Amino acid sequence: MPDKVPSKICKTCRYWSDQIVRIEHPKRGMEACCLNVGQKFQGLWMSGNDRCGAWESGHLGAVDEPGFDTSLYQKELAA
């Protein structure tokens, strides 16, 4: 059976920050800052279940994860 493809929601996007979060809306739960530079949601608070067309898989970690090697995704594309 093939691996399940992650749902294209903010929580699984590499630009959804686990480091910059807030909980202000009880119905929305935790919101994180979108770090996708140049996209319409950059710098906005996004729920983990929100979606946008600029989603990119976060399977190697978020772009702001401590110790994250920023070249990991480029290395994967080149392979």
C-alpha atoms as a PDB file:
ATOM      1  CA  MET A   1       0.000   0.000   0.000  1.00  0.00           C
ATOM      2  CA  PRO A   2       1.532   3.397  -0.985  1.00  0.00           C
ATOM      3  CA  ASP A   3       2.354   6.012   1.630  1.00  0.00           C
ATOM      4  CA  LYS A   4      -0.460   8.452   2.263  1.00  0.00           C
ATOM      5  CA  VAL A   5       0.147  11.818   0.589  1.00  0.00           C
ATOM      6  CA  PRO A   6      -0.070  14.603   3.193  1.00  0.00           C
ATOM      7  CA  SER A   7      -3.181  16.725   3.003  1.00  0.00           C
ATOM      8  CA  LYS A   8      -2.377  20.103   1.465  1.00  0.00           C
ATOM      9  CA  ILE A   9      -3.249  22.110   4.558  1.00  0.00           C
ATOM     10  CA  CYS A  10      -1.124  24.724   6.311  1.00  0.00           C
ATOM     11  CA  LYS A  11      -0.147  22.345   9.111  1.00  0.00           C
ATOM     12  CA  THR A  12       1.717  20.144   6.585  1.00  0.00           C
ATOM     13  CA  CYS A  13       3.310  23.029   4.651  1.00  0.00           C
ATOM     14  CA  ARG A  14       6.985  23.830   5.174  1.00  0.00           C
ATOM     15  CA  TYR A  15       6.132  27.541   5.511  1.00  0.00           C
ATOM     16  CA  TRP A  16       3.764  27.080   8.477  1.00  0.00           C
ATOM     17  CA  SER A  17       5.826  28.106  11.492  1.00  0.00           C
ATOM     18  CA  ASP A  18       5.717  26.026  14.673  1.00  0.00           C
ATOM     19  CA  GLN A  19       7.969  28.688  16.220  1.00  0.00           C
ATOM     20  CA  ILE A  20       5.698  31.727  15.723  1.00  0.00           C
ATOM     21  CA  VAL A  21       2.244  30.824  17.035  1.00  0.00           C
ATOM     22  CA  ARG A  22      -0.766  32.254  18.842  1.00  0.00           C
ATOM     23  CA  ILE A  23      -4.060  31.033  20.219  1.00  0.00           C
ATOM     24  CA  GLU A  24      -6.565  33.875  20.056  1.00  0.00           C
ATOM     25  CA  HIS A  25      -9.554  32.313  18.362  1.00  0.00           C
ATOM     26  CA  PRO A  26     -11.027  29.399  20.360  1.00  0.00           C
ATOM     27  CA  LYS A  27     -12.814  28.029  17.299  1.00  0.00           C
ATOM     28  CA  ARG A  28      -9.702  28.133  15.101  1.00  0.00           C
ATOM     29  CA  GLY A  29      -7.267  26.736  17.676  1.00  0.00           C
ATOM     30  CA  MET A  30      -3.567  27.396  17.257  1.00  0.00           C
ATOM     31  CA  GLU A  31      -2.549  29.701  14.442  1.00  0.00           C
ATOM     32  CA  ALA A  32       0.953  30.000  13.043  1.00  0.00           C
ATOM     33  CA  CYS A  33       2.637  32.640  10.951  1.00  0.00           C
ATOM     34  CA  CYS A  34       3.016  31.911   7.241  1.00  0.00           C
ATOM     35  CA  LEU A  35       6.668  32.312   6.193  1.00  0.00           C
ATOM     36  CA  ASN A  36       6.213  31.851   2.441  1.00  0.00           C
ATOM     37  CA  VAL A  37       8.067  34.911   1.125  1.00  0.00           C
ATOM     38  CA  GLY A  38       6.272  36.738  -1.658  1.00  0.00           C
ATOM     39  CA  GLN A  39       2.966  34.891  -1.262  1.00  0.00           C
ATOM     40  CA  LYS A  40      -0.327  36.530  -0.353  1.00  0.00           C
ATOM     41  CA  PHE A  41      -0.455  34.972   3.137  1.00  0.00           C
ATOM     42  CA  GLN A  42       3.138  35.858   4.123  1.00  0.00           C
ATOM     43  CA  GLY A  43       3.169  37.168   7.695  1.00  0.00           C
ATOM     44  CA  LEU A  44      -0.498  36.332   8.311  1.00  0.00           C
ATOM     45  CA  TRP A  45      -1.866  34.050  11.029  1.00  0.00           C
ATOM     46  CA  MET A  46      -3.054  30.787   9.502  1.00  0.00           C
ATOM     47  CA  SER A  47      -4.978  27.929  11.086  1.00  0.00           C
ATOM     48  CA  GLY A  48      -3.473  24.482  10.590  1.00  0.00           C
ATOM     49  CA  ASN A  49      -6.485  23.571   8.445  1.00  0.00           C
ATOM     50  CA  ASP A  50      -6.269  26.614   6.142  1.00  0.00           C
ATOM     51  CA  ARG A  51      -5.129  26.120   2.551  1.00  0.00           C
ATOM     52  CA  CYS A  52      -3.539  28.084  -0.271  1.00  0.00           C
ATOM     53  CA  GLY A  53      -2.144  27.426  -3.726  1.00  0.00           C
ATOM     54  CA  ALA A  54       1.441  28.083  -2.603  1.00  0.00           C
ATOM     55  CA  TRP A  55       1.524  24.987  -0.342  1.00  0.00           C
ATOM     56  CA  GLU A  56       4.772  23.018  -0.362  1.00  0.00           C
ATOM     57  CA  SER A  57       5.333  19.797   1.547  1.00  0.00           C
ATOM     58  CA  GLY A  58       6.940  20.118   4.959  1.00  0.00           C
ATOM     59  CA  HIS A  59       8.028  16.469   5.142  1.00  0.00           C
ATOM     60  CA  LEU A  60      11.657  17.489   5.776  1.00  0.00           C
ATOM     61  CA  GLY A  61      10.725  20.120   8.358  1.00  0.00           C
ATOM     62  CA  ALA A  62       9.587  23.721   8.469  1.00  0.00           C
ATOM     63  CA  VAL A  63      11.794  26.484   7.088  1.00  0.00           C
ATOM     64  CA  ASP A  64      12.229  27.969  10.572  1.00  0.00           C
ATOM     65  CA  GLU A  65      12.882  24.738  12.448  1.00  0.00           C
ATOM     66  CA  PRO A  66      15.985  25.073  14.667  1.00  0.00           C
ATOM     67  CA  GLY A  67      18.980  23.483  12.968  1.00  0.00           C
ATOM     68  CA  PHE A  68      17.128  23.113   9.659  1.00  0.00           C
ATOM     69  CA  ASP A  69      19.411  22.740   6.647  1.00  0.00           C
ATOM     70  CA  THR A  70      17.870  25.135   4.124  1.00  0.00           C
ATOM     71  CA  SER A  71      19.345  23.173   1.217  1.00  0.00           C
ATOM     72  CA  LEU A  72      17.543  19.894   2.072  1.00  0.00           C
ATOM     73  CA  TYR A  73      14.633  20.539  -0.289  1.00  0.00           C
ATOM     74  CA  GLN A  74      16.939  21.644  -3.125  1.00  0.00           C
ATOM     75  CA  LYS A  75      19.073  18.508  -2.645  1.00  0.00           C
ATOM     76  CA  GLU A  76      15.939  16.356  -2.812  1.00  0.00           C
ATOM     77  CA  LEU A  77      14.828  18.022  -6.074  1.00  0.00           C
ATOM     78  CA  ALA A  78      18.260  17.474  -7.605  1.00  0.00           C
ATOM     79  CA  ALA A  79      18.299  13.750  -6.759  1.00  0.00           C
END
